[in-house]
Protein backbone atom coordinates (compact mmCIF):
# COMPACT_ATOMS: atom_id res chain seq x y z
CA UNK A 1 0.00 0.00 0.00
CA UNK A 2 1.39 3.41 -0.90
CA UNK A 3 0.98 6.53 1.12
CA UNK A 4 -1.46 9.04 -0.33
CA UNK A 5 -0.57 12.65 -0.99
CA UNK A 6 -0.35 14.98 1.96
CA UNK A 7 -3.52 16.86 2.85
CA UNK A 8 -2.03 20.03 1.47
CA UNK A 9 1.27 21.12 0.00
CA UNK A 10 0.39 24.63 1.08
CA UNK A 11 1.33 26.08 4.44
CA UNK A 12 -1.58 26.63 6.79
CA UNK A 13 -3.31 29.99 6.77
CA UNK A 14 -3.31 32.25 9.81
CA UNK A 15 -6.42 33.67 11.42
CA UNK A 16 -6.19 37.25 12.69
CA UNK A 17 -8.94 38.70 14.89
CA UNK A 18 -9.37 41.99 16.70
CA UNK A 19 -11.23 45.24 17.07
CA UNK A 20 -11.24 48.13 14.59
CA UNK A 21 -11.47 51.64 16.03
CA UNK A 22 -12.88 54.58 14.03
CA UNK A 23 -10.86 57.08 12.06
CA UNK A 24 -10.70 60.82 12.63
CA UNK A 25 -14.09 61.16 10.92
CA UNK A 26 -15.68 58.91 13.57
CA UNK A 27 -16.57 56.12 11.12
CA UNK A 28 -15.48 52.50 11.47
CA UNK A 29 -14.24 50.73 8.33
CA UNK A 30 -16.56 48.13 6.79
CA UNK A 31 -13.82 45.74 5.62
CA UNK A 32 -10.27 44.73 6.55
CA UNK A 33 -7.72 43.61 3.98
CA UNK A 34 -4.51 41.68 4.75
CA UNK A 35 -1.63 42.82 2.57
CA UNK A 36 1.59 40.94 1.78
CA UNK A 37 4.87 42.06 0.22
CA UNK A 38 4.43 44.22 -2.85
CA UNK A 39 0.74 44.77 -2.15
CA UNK A 40 -0.54 41.20 -2.65
CA UNK A 41 -4.06 40.79 -1.22
CA UNK A 42 -3.85 37.87 1.20
CA UNK A 43 -7.36 38.03 2.67
CA UNK A 44 -10.38 40.29 3.08
CA UNK A 45 -13.06 40.23 5.78
CA UNK A 46 -16.13 42.19 6.82
CA UNK A 47 -16.02 44.34 9.96
CA UNK A 48 -18.97 43.61 12.23
CA UNK A 49 -20.37 46.39 14.41
CA UNK A 50 -19.60 45.57 18.01
CA UNK A 51 -21.21 48.44 19.90
CA UNK A 52 -20.85 52.16 19.48
CA UNK A 53 -17.69 53.32 17.70
CA UNK A 54 -15.99 49.94 17.40
CA UNK A 55 -16.02 46.96 15.05
CA UNK A 56 -14.77 43.37 15.19
CA UNK A 57 -13.10 41.38 12.41
CA UNK A 58 -11.80 37.85 11.82
CA UNK A 59 -9.73 37.37 8.68
CA UNK A 60 -8.10 34.33 7.10
CA UNK A 61 -4.62 35.30 5.87
CA UNK A 62 -3.17 33.13 3.09
CA UNK A 63 0.41 31.95 3.48
CA UNK A 64 3.18 32.71 1.00
CA UNK A 65 3.20 29.07 -0.09
CA UNK A 66 -0.54 29.31 -0.88
CA UNK A 67 -0.38 32.62 -2.76
CA UNK A 68 2.62 34.47 -4.15
CA UNK A 69 3.43 37.68 -2.30
CA UNK A 70 1.66 36.67 0.92
CA UNK A 71 3.65 36.35 4.15
CA UNK A 72 5.74 33.38 5.16
CA UNK A 73 6.09 32.24 8.77
CA UNK A 74 7.17 35.15 11.02
CA UNK A 75 6.78 37.86 8.35
CA UNK A 76 4.81 41.02 9.18
CA UNK A 77 1.27 41.23 7.81
CA UNK A 78 0.15 44.63 6.55
CA UNK A 79 -3.48 45.74 6.85
CA UNK A 80 -5.71 48.28 5.18
CA UNK A 81 -9.18 49.46 6.21
CA UNK A 82 -11.85 49.88 3.53
CA UNK A 83 -15.11 51.83 3.55
CA UNK A 84 -16.61 50.21 0.44
CA UNK A 85 -16.07 47.32 -1.95
CA UNK A 86 -14.25 49.44 -4.52
CA UNK A 87 -11.77 51.60 -2.58
CA UNK A 88 -8.12 50.74 -1.93
CA UNK A 89 -8.54 51.54 1.74
CA UNK A 90 -6.24 53.37 4.09
CA UNK A 91 -3.23 51.83 5.81
CA UNK A 92 -4.02 50.46 9.25
CA UNK A 93 -1.89 50.77 12.34
CA UNK A 94 -1.68 47.34 13.99
CA UNK A 95 -1.69 47.02 17.78
CA UNK A 96 -0.36 43.57 18.58
CA UNK A 97 2.08 41.09 17.05
CA UNK A 98 1.06 41.26 13.39
CA UNK A 99 3.44 38.50 12.32
CA UNK A 100 2.21 35.56 10.25
CA UNK A 101 1.71 32.44 12.39
CA UNK A 102 0.45 29.62 10.17
CA UNK A 103 -2.28 27.53 11.75
CA UNK A 104 -2.70 29.91 14.69
CA UNK A 105 -5.13 32.64 15.71
CA UNK A 106 -3.52 35.99 16.48
CA UNK A 107 -5.08 39.04 18.20
CA UNK A 108 -4.36 42.35 16.44
CA UNK A 109 -6.42 45.52 16.95
CA UNK A 110 -6.47 48.01 14.06
CA UNK A 111 -6.80 51.79 13.75
CA UNK A 112 -6.48 53.99 10.65
CA UNK A 113 -2.88 55.23 10.52
CA UNK A 114 -4.06 58.75 9.76
CA UNK A 115 -6.31 58.79 12.82
CA UNK A 116 -3.77 58.44 15.61
CA UNK A 117 -4.69 60.70 18.52
CA UNK A 118 -1.21 60.70 20.02
CA UNK A 119 1.47 58.65 18.25
CA UNK A 120 3.20 56.21 20.58
CA UNK A 121 0.48 56.18 23.21
CA UNK A 122 -3.09 56.02 21.81
CA UNK A 123 -4.52 54.76 18.50
CA UNK A 124 -7.82 56.14 17.33
CA UNK A 125 -9.44 59.51 16.72
CA UNK A 126 -8.96 62.50 18.97
CA UNK A 127 -11.88 62.42 21.44
CA UNK A 128 -14.74 64.84 20.82
CA UNK A 129 -16.32 66.62 23.81
CA UNK A 130 -19.44 64.97 25.24
CA UNK A 131 -19.06 61.86 23.06
CA UNK A 132 -17.65 58.43 23.86
CA UNK A 133 -14.53 57.65 21.78
CA UNK A 134 -12.80 54.28 21.50
CA UNK A 135 -9.00 54.30 21.73
CA UNK A 136 -6.32 51.61 22.03
CA UNK A 137 -3.43 52.17 24.47
CA UNK A 138 -0.11 51.55 22.72
CA UNK A 139 2.20 53.05 25.29
CA UNK A 140 4.20 51.17 27.89
CA UNK A 141 2.50 48.54 30.03
CA UNK A 142 1.04 49.33 33.47
CA UNK A 143 1.06 53.13 33.14
CA UNK A 144 -0.94 55.04 35.78
CA UNK A 145 -4.28 56.05 34.24
CA UNK A 146 -3.71 59.71 35.20
CA UNK A 147 -0.42 59.69 33.28
CA UNK A 148 -2.05 58.05 30.23
CA UNK A 149 -4.81 60.69 30.26
CA UNK A 150 -2.19 63.43 30.06
CA UNK A 151 -1.23 62.23 26.56
CA UNK A 152 -4.78 62.83 25.22
CA UNK A 153 -4.91 66.32 23.67
CA UNK A 154 -8.30 67.22 25.21
CA UNK A 155 -9.71 67.40 28.76
CA UNK A 156 -10.94 63.93 29.79
CA UNK A 157 -13.99 63.23 31.95
CA UNK A 158 -13.23 59.51 32.38
CA UNK A 159 -11.89 56.21 31.04
CA UNK A 160 -13.75 52.88 30.90
CA UNK A 161 -12.28 49.48 30.02
CA UNK A 162 -14.07 46.13 29.67
CA UNK A 163 -12.03 43.46 31.41
CA UNK A 164 -11.00 40.43 29.31
CA UNK A 165 -13.78 37.90 29.13
CA UNK A 166 -16.41 40.65 29.21
CA UNK A 167 -16.94 40.30 32.95
CA UNK A 168 -17.26 43.94 33.93
CA UNK A 169 -16.17 47.47 33.20
CA UNK A 170 -13.51 49.23 35.25
CA UNK A 171 -13.17 53.01 35.25
CA UNK A 172 -10.97 55.95 36.10
CA UNK A 173 -12.27 59.47 36.74
CA UNK A 174 -9.68 62.27 37.03
CA UNK A 175 -9.87 63.98 40.44
CA UNK A 176 -12.00 61.27 42.07
CA UNK A 177 -10.68 59.74 45.33
CA UNK A 178 -8.47 56.65 45.03
CA UNK A 179 -11.07 54.35 46.63
CA UNK A 180 -13.48 55.20 43.77
CA UNK A 181 -11.01 54.21 41.04
CA UNK A 182 -11.23 50.67 39.62
CA UNK A 183 -8.88 51.25 36.65
CA UNK A 184 -5.67 52.69 38.13
CA UNK A 185 -3.31 51.27 35.47
CA UNK A 186 -3.59 51.19 31.67
CA UNK A 187 -2.03 48.15 29.99
CA UNK A 188 -0.60 47.89 26.48
CA UNK A 189 -3.35 46.81 24.10
CA UNK A 190 -6.24 47.90 26.33
CA UNK A 191 -9.28 49.09 24.41
CA UNK A 192 -10.49 52.12 26.32
CA UNK A 193 -13.68 54.17 26.04
CA UNK A 194 -12.87 57.84 26.63
CA UNK A 195 -15.33 60.62 27.37
CA UNK A 196 -13.95 64.11 26.78
CA UNK A 197 -15.32 67.32 28.35
C-alpha atoms as a PDB file:
ATOM      1  CA  UNK A   1       0.000   0.000   0.000  1.00  0.00           C
ATOM      2  CA  UNK A   2       1.392   3.412  -0.897  1.00  0.00           C
ATOM      3  CA  UNK A   3       0.983   6.531   1.118  1.00  0.00           C
ATOM      4  CA  UNK A   4      -1.459   9.035  -0.326  1.00  0.00           C
ATOM      5  CA  UNK A   5      -0.572  12.646  -0.991  1.00  0.00           C
ATOM      6  CA  UNK A   6      -0.351  14.980   1.956  1.00  0.00           C
ATOM      7  CA  UNK A   7      -3.523  16.856   2.852  1.00  0.00           C
ATOM      8  CA  UNK A   8      -2.033  20.028   1.471  1.00  0.00           C
ATOM      9  CA  UNK A   9       1.274  21.115  -0.001  1.00  0.00           C
ATOM     10  CA  UNK A  10       0.393  24.627   1.081  1.00  0.00           C
ATOM     11  CA  UNK A  11       1.326  26.077   4.436  1.00  0.00           C
ATOM     12  CA  UNK A  12      -1.585  26.634   6.791  1.00  0.00           C
ATOM     13  CA  UNK A  13      -3.310  29.990   6.770  1.00  0.00           C
ATOM     14  CA  UNK A  14      -3.309  32.251   9.814  1.00  0.00           C
ATOM     15  CA  UNK A  15      -6.423  33.673  11.422  1.00  0.00           C
ATOM     16  CA  UNK A  16      -6.186  37.247  12.689  1.00  0.00           C
ATOM     17  CA  UNK A  17      -8.938  38.698  14.888  1.00  0.00           C
ATOM     18  CA  UNK A  18      -9.374  41.990  16.699  1.00  0.00           C
ATOM     19  CA  UNK A  19     -11.228  45.238  17.069  1.00  0.00           C
ATOM     20  CA  UNK A  20     -11.235  48.133  14.592  1.00  0.00           C
ATOM     21  CA  UNK A  21     -11.474  51.644  16.026  1.00  0.00           C
ATOM     22  CA  UNK A  22     -12.879  54.579  14.031  1.00  0.00           C
ATOM     23  CA  UNK A  23     -10.862  57.077  12.059  1.00  0.00           C
ATOM     24  CA  UNK A  24     -10.699  60.819  12.634  1.00  0.00           C
ATOM     25  CA  UNK A  25     -14.088  61.157  10.921  1.00  0.00           C
ATOM     26  CA  UNK A  26     -15.683  58.905  13.574  1.00  0.00           C
ATOM     27  CA  UNK A  27     -16.571  56.119  11.119  1.00  0.00           C
ATOM     28  CA  UNK A  28     -15.476  52.497  11.474  1.00  0.00           C
ATOM     29  CA  UNK A  29     -14.238  50.733   8.331  1.00  0.00           C
ATOM     30  CA  UNK A  30     -16.559  48.132   6.792  1.00  0.00           C
ATOM     31  CA  UNK A  31     -13.822  45.741   5.616  1.00  0.00           C
ATOM     32  CA  UNK A  32     -10.271  44.733   6.554  1.00  0.00           C
ATOM     33  CA  UNK A  33      -7.716  43.608   3.977  1.00  0.00           C
ATOM     34  CA  UNK A  34      -4.510  41.680   4.755  1.00  0.00           C
ATOM     35  CA  UNK A  35      -1.626  42.819   2.568  1.00  0.00           C
ATOM     36  CA  UNK A  36       1.589  40.940   1.781  1.00  0.00           C
ATOM     37  CA  UNK A  37       4.868  42.056   0.216  1.00  0.00           C
ATOM     38  CA  UNK A  38       4.427  44.218  -2.846  1.00  0.00           C
ATOM     39  CA  UNK A  39       0.736  44.765  -2.149  1.00  0.00           C
ATOM     40  CA  UNK A  40      -0.539  41.200  -2.654  1.00  0.00           C
ATOM     41  CA  UNK A  41      -4.057  40.793  -1.222  1.00  0.00           C
ATOM     42  CA  UNK A  42      -3.854  37.866   1.202  1.00  0.00           C
ATOM     43  CA  UNK A  43      -7.359  38.027   2.669  1.00  0.00           C
ATOM     44  CA  UNK A  44     -10.384  40.286   3.078  1.00  0.00           C
ATOM     45  CA  UNK A  45     -13.064  40.228   5.776  1.00  0.00           C
ATOM     46  CA  UNK A  46     -16.132  42.189   6.824  1.00  0.00           C
ATOM     47  CA  UNK A  47     -16.020  44.339   9.960  1.00  0.00           C
ATOM     48  CA  UNK A  48     -18.973  43.612  12.231  1.00  0.00           C
ATOM     49  CA  UNK A  49     -20.371  46.390  14.405  1.00  0.00           C
ATOM     50  CA  UNK A  50     -19.603  45.572  18.014  1.00  0.00           C
ATOM     51  CA  UNK A  51     -21.206  48.440  19.899  1.00  0.00           C
ATOM     52  CA  UNK A  52     -20.849  52.164  19.478  1.00  0.00           C
ATOM     53  CA  UNK A  53     -17.693  53.319  17.697  1.00  0.00           C
ATOM     54  CA  UNK A  54     -15.989  49.942  17.400  1.00  0.00           C
ATOM     55  CA  UNK A  55     -16.022  46.962  15.050  1.00  0.00           C
ATOM     56  CA  UNK A  56     -14.774  43.370  15.194  1.00  0.00           C
ATOM     57  CA  UNK A  57     -13.099  41.382  12.415  1.00  0.00           C
ATOM     58  CA  UNK A  58     -11.798  37.854  11.819  1.00  0.00           C
ATOM     59  CA  UNK A  59      -9.726  37.365   8.682  1.00  0.00           C
ATOM     60  CA  UNK A  60      -8.102  34.327   7.095  1.00  0.00           C
ATOM     61  CA  UNK A  61      -4.623  35.299   5.875  1.00  0.00           C
ATOM     62  CA  UNK A  62      -3.175  33.135   3.089  1.00  0.00           C
ATOM     63  CA  UNK A  63       0.409  31.948   3.482  1.00  0.00           C
ATOM     64  CA  UNK A  64       3.180  32.713   1.003  1.00  0.00           C
ATOM     65  CA  UNK A  65       3.195  29.067  -0.092  1.00  0.00           C
ATOM     66  CA  UNK A  66      -0.538  29.311  -0.882  1.00  0.00           C
ATOM     67  CA  UNK A  67      -0.384  32.616  -2.763  1.00  0.00           C
ATOM     68  CA  UNK A  68       2.624  34.474  -4.149  1.00  0.00           C
ATOM     69  CA  UNK A  69       3.427  37.684  -2.297  1.00  0.00           C
ATOM     70  CA  UNK A  70       1.655  36.666   0.919  1.00  0.00           C
ATOM     71  CA  UNK A  71       3.651  36.353   4.148  1.00  0.00           C
ATOM     72  CA  UNK A  72       5.738  33.380   5.156  1.00  0.00           C
ATOM     73  CA  UNK A  73       6.091  32.238   8.768  1.00  0.00           C
ATOM     74  CA  UNK A  74       7.170  35.150  11.021  1.00  0.00           C
ATOM     75  CA  UNK A  75       6.782  37.862   8.353  1.00  0.00           C
ATOM     76  CA  UNK A  76       4.812  41.015   9.185  1.00  0.00           C
ATOM     77  CA  UNK A  77       1.266  41.228   7.811  1.00  0.00           C
ATOM     78  CA  UNK A  78       0.150  44.626   6.549  1.00  0.00           C
ATOM     79  CA  UNK A  79      -3.484  45.745   6.845  1.00  0.00           C
ATOM     80  CA  UNK A  80      -5.714  48.284   5.176  1.00  0.00           C
ATOM     81  CA  UNK A  81      -9.175  49.458   6.209  1.00  0.00           C
ATOM     82  CA  UNK A  82     -11.855  49.878   3.531  1.00  0.00           C
ATOM     83  CA  UNK A  83     -15.111  51.827   3.555  1.00  0.00           C
ATOM     84  CA  UNK A  84     -16.613  50.207   0.439  1.00  0.00           C
ATOM     85  CA  UNK A  85     -16.071  47.321  -1.954  1.00  0.00           C
ATOM     86  CA  UNK A  86     -14.250  49.443  -4.516  1.00  0.00           C
ATOM     87  CA  UNK A  87     -11.774  51.597  -2.576  1.00  0.00           C
ATOM     88  CA  UNK A  88      -8.125  50.742  -1.930  1.00  0.00           C
ATOM     89  CA  UNK A  89      -8.544  51.536   1.743  1.00  0.00           C
ATOM     90  CA  UNK A  90      -6.240  53.373   4.091  1.00  0.00           C
ATOM     91  CA  UNK A  91      -3.232  51.829   5.809  1.00  0.00           C
ATOM     92  CA  UNK A  92      -4.019  50.461   9.248  1.00  0.00           C
ATOM     93  CA  UNK A  93      -1.888  50.774  12.339  1.00  0.00           C
ATOM     94  CA  UNK A  94      -1.680  47.342  13.994  1.00  0.00           C
ATOM     95  CA  UNK A  95      -1.689  47.023  17.775  1.00  0.00           C
ATOM     96  CA  UNK A  96      -0.356  43.571  18.585  1.00  0.00           C
ATOM     97  CA  UNK A  97       2.079  41.093  17.046  1.00  0.00           C
ATOM     98  CA  UNK A  98       1.064  41.257  13.390  1.00  0.00           C
ATOM     99  CA  UNK A  99       3.441  38.497  12.321  1.00  0.00           C
ATOM    100  CA  UNK A 100       2.214  35.560  10.248  1.00  0.00           C
ATOM    101  CA  UNK A 101       1.715  32.441  12.386  1.00  0.00           C
ATOM    102  CA  UNK A 102       0.450  29.620  10.169  1.00  0.00           C
ATOM    103  CA  UNK A 103      -2.285  27.529  11.747  1.00  0.00           C
ATOM    104  CA  UNK A 104      -2.701  29.914  14.686  1.00  0.00           C
ATOM    105  CA  UNK A 105      -5.127  32.640  15.707  1.00  0.00           C
ATOM    106  CA  UNK A 106      -3.520  35.989  16.476  1.00  0.00           C
ATOM    107  CA  UNK A 107      -5.079  39.041  18.200  1.00  0.00           C
ATOM    108  CA  UNK A 108      -4.356  42.345  16.440  1.00  0.00           C
ATOM    109  CA  UNK A 109      -6.422  45.521  16.950  1.00  0.00           C
ATOM    110  CA  UNK A 110      -6.473  48.009  14.062  1.00  0.00           C
ATOM    111  CA  UNK A 111      -6.798  51.786  13.750  1.00  0.00           C
ATOM    112  CA  UNK A 112      -6.477  53.988  10.648  1.00  0.00           C
ATOM    113  CA  UNK A 113      -2.883  55.227  10.523  1.00  0.00           C
ATOM    114  CA  UNK A 114      -4.055  58.753   9.755  1.00  0.00           C
ATOM    115  CA  UNK A 115      -6.315  58.789  12.825  1.00  0.00           C
ATOM    116  CA  UNK A 116      -3.770  58.443  15.614  1.00  0.00           C
ATOM    117  CA  UNK A 117      -4.692  60.697  18.517  1.00  0.00           C
ATOM    118  CA  UNK A 118      -1.207  60.704  20.022  1.00  0.00           C
ATOM    119  CA  UNK A 119       1.470  58.646  18.246  1.00  0.00           C
ATOM    120  CA  UNK A 120       3.202  56.211  20.585  1.00  0.00           C
ATOM    121  CA  UNK A 121       0.478  56.180  23.207  1.00  0.00           C
ATOM    122  CA  UNK A 122      -3.085  56.016  21.808  1.00  0.00           C
ATOM    123  CA  UNK A 123      -4.517  54.757  18.502  1.00  0.00           C
ATOM    124  CA  UNK A 124      -7.825  56.142  17.334  1.00  0.00           C
ATOM    125  CA  UNK A 125      -9.442  59.505  16.720  1.00  0.00           C
ATOM    126  CA  UNK A 126      -8.960  62.503  18.970  1.00  0.00           C
ATOM    127  CA  UNK A 127     -11.879  62.418  21.445  1.00  0.00           C
ATOM    128  CA  UNK A 128     -14.744  64.838  20.818  1.00  0.00           C
ATOM    129  CA  UNK A 129     -16.319  66.624  23.812  1.00  0.00           C
ATOM    130  CA  UNK A 130     -19.443  64.973  25.238  1.00  0.00           C
ATOM    131  CA  UNK A 131     -19.059  61.858  23.061  1.00  0.00           C
ATOM    132  CA  UNK A 132     -17.646  58.430  23.863  1.00  0.00           C
ATOM    133  CA  UNK A 133     -14.533  57.653  21.778  1.00  0.00           C
ATOM    134  CA  UNK A 134     -12.798  54.283  21.503  1.00  0.00           C
ATOM    135  CA  UNK A 135      -8.998  54.299  21.733  1.00  0.00           C
ATOM    136  CA  UNK A 136      -6.315  51.609  22.033  1.00  0.00           C
ATOM    137  CA  UNK A 137      -3.425  52.173  24.471  1.00  0.00           C
ATOM    138  CA  UNK A 138      -0.108  51.547  22.719  1.00  0.00           C
ATOM    139  CA  UNK A 139       2.196  53.053  25.287  1.00  0.00           C
ATOM    140  CA  UNK A 140       4.203  51.168  27.893  1.00  0.00           C
ATOM    141  CA  UNK A 141       2.500  48.543  30.026  1.00  0.00           C
ATOM    142  CA  UNK A 142       1.038  49.330  33.474  1.00  0.00           C
ATOM    143  CA  UNK A 143       1.058  53.127  33.137  1.00  0.00           C
ATOM    144  CA  UNK A 144      -0.941  55.038  35.777  1.00  0.00           C
ATOM    145  CA  UNK A 145      -4.278  56.053  34.244  1.00  0.00           C
ATOM    146  CA  UNK A 146      -3.714  59.710  35.195  1.00  0.00           C
ATOM    147  CA  UNK A 147      -0.417  59.695  33.284  1.00  0.00           C
ATOM    148  CA  UNK A 148      -2.050  58.055  30.231  1.00  0.00           C
ATOM    149  CA  UNK A 149      -4.812  60.690  30.262  1.00  0.00           C
ATOM    150  CA  UNK A 150      -2.190  63.433  30.064  1.00  0.00           C
ATOM    151  CA  UNK A 151      -1.234  62.226  26.559  1.00  0.00           C
ATOM    152  CA  UNK A 152      -4.777  62.826  25.221  1.00  0.00           C
ATOM    153  CA  UNK A 153      -4.909  66.324  23.667  1.00  0.00           C
ATOM    154  CA  UNK A 154      -8.304  67.220  25.213  1.00  0.00           C
ATOM    155  CA  UNK A 155      -9.709  67.404  28.758  1.00  0.00           C
ATOM    156  CA  UNK A 156     -10.939  63.935  29.787  1.00  0.00           C
ATOM    157  CA  UNK A 157     -13.991  63.231  31.952  1.00  0.00           C
ATOM    158  CA  UNK A 158     -13.227  59.511  32.382  1.00  0.00           C
ATOM    159  CA  UNK A 159     -11.893  56.206  31.043  1.00  0.00           C
ATOM    160  CA  UNK A 160     -13.751  52.879  30.896  1.00  0.00           C
ATOM    161  CA  UNK A 161     -12.279  49.477  30.019  1.00  0.00           C
ATOM    162  CA  UNK A 162     -14.072  46.133  29.674  1.00  0.00           C
ATOM    163  CA  UNK A 163     -12.032  43.459  31.412  1.00  0.00           C
ATOM    164  CA  UNK A 164     -10.999  40.431  29.311  1.00  0.00           C
ATOM    165  CA  UNK A 165     -13.784  37.900  29.130  1.00  0.00           C
ATOM    166  CA  UNK A 166     -16.407  40.653  29.213  1.00  0.00           C
ATOM    167  CA  UNK A 167     -16.938  40.299  32.946  1.00  0.00           C
ATOM    168  CA  UNK A 168     -17.256  43.938  33.933  1.00  0.00           C
ATOM    169  CA  UNK A 169     -16.174  47.474  33.203  1.00  0.00           C
ATOM    170  CA  UNK A 170     -13.511  49.233  35.248  1.00  0.00           C
ATOM    171  CA  UNK A 171     -13.169  53.013  35.254  1.00  0.00           C
ATOM    172  CA  UNK A 172     -10.967  55.954  36.100  1.00  0.00           C
ATOM    173  CA  UNK A 173     -12.267  59.474  36.740  1.00  0.00           C
ATOM    174  CA  UNK A 174      -9.685  62.271  37.029  1.00  0.00           C
ATOM    175  CA  UNK A 175      -9.873  63.982  40.441  1.00  0.00           C
ATOM    176  CA  UNK A 176     -11.998  61.267  42.075  1.00  0.00           C
ATOM    177  CA  UNK A 177     -10.681  59.741  45.328  1.00  0.00           C
ATOM    178  CA  UNK A 178      -8.469  56.653  45.031  1.00  0.00           C
ATOM    179  CA  UNK A 179     -11.075  54.354  46.625  1.00  0.00           C
ATOM    180  CA  UNK A 180     -13.482  55.205  43.773  1.00  0.00           C
ATOM    181  CA  UNK A 181     -11.008  54.207  41.041  1.00  0.00           C
ATOM    182  CA  UNK A 182     -11.233  50.669  39.623  1.00  0.00           C
ATOM    183  CA  UNK A 183      -8.877  51.245  36.648  1.00  0.00           C
ATOM    184  CA  UNK A 184      -5.670  52.693  38.129  1.00  0.00           C
ATOM    185  CA  UNK A 185      -3.306  51.275  35.471  1.00  0.00           C
ATOM    186  CA  UNK A 186      -3.593  51.186  31.671  1.00  0.00           C
ATOM    187  CA  UNK A 187      -2.028  48.147  29.990  1.00  0.00           C
ATOM    188  CA  UNK A 188      -0.597  47.890  26.476  1.00  0.00           C
ATOM    189  CA  UNK A 189      -3.355  46.806  24.104  1.00  0.00           C
ATOM    190  CA  UNK A 190      -6.240  47.902  26.332  1.00  0.00           C
ATOM    191  CA  UNK A 191      -9.285  49.085  24.406  1.00  0.00           C
ATOM    192  CA  UNK A 192     -10.491  52.121  26.324  1.00  0.00           C
ATOM    193  CA  UNK A 193     -13.679  54.168  26.037  1.00  0.00           C
ATOM    194  CA  UNK A 194     -12.870  57.839  26.628  1.00  0.00           C
ATOM    195  CA  UNK A 195     -15.334  60.622  27.372  1.00  0.00           C
ATOM    196  CA  UNK A 196     -13.949  64.114  26.780  1.00  0.00           C
ATOM    197  CA  UNK A 197     -15.320  67.323  28.348  1.00  0.00           C
END
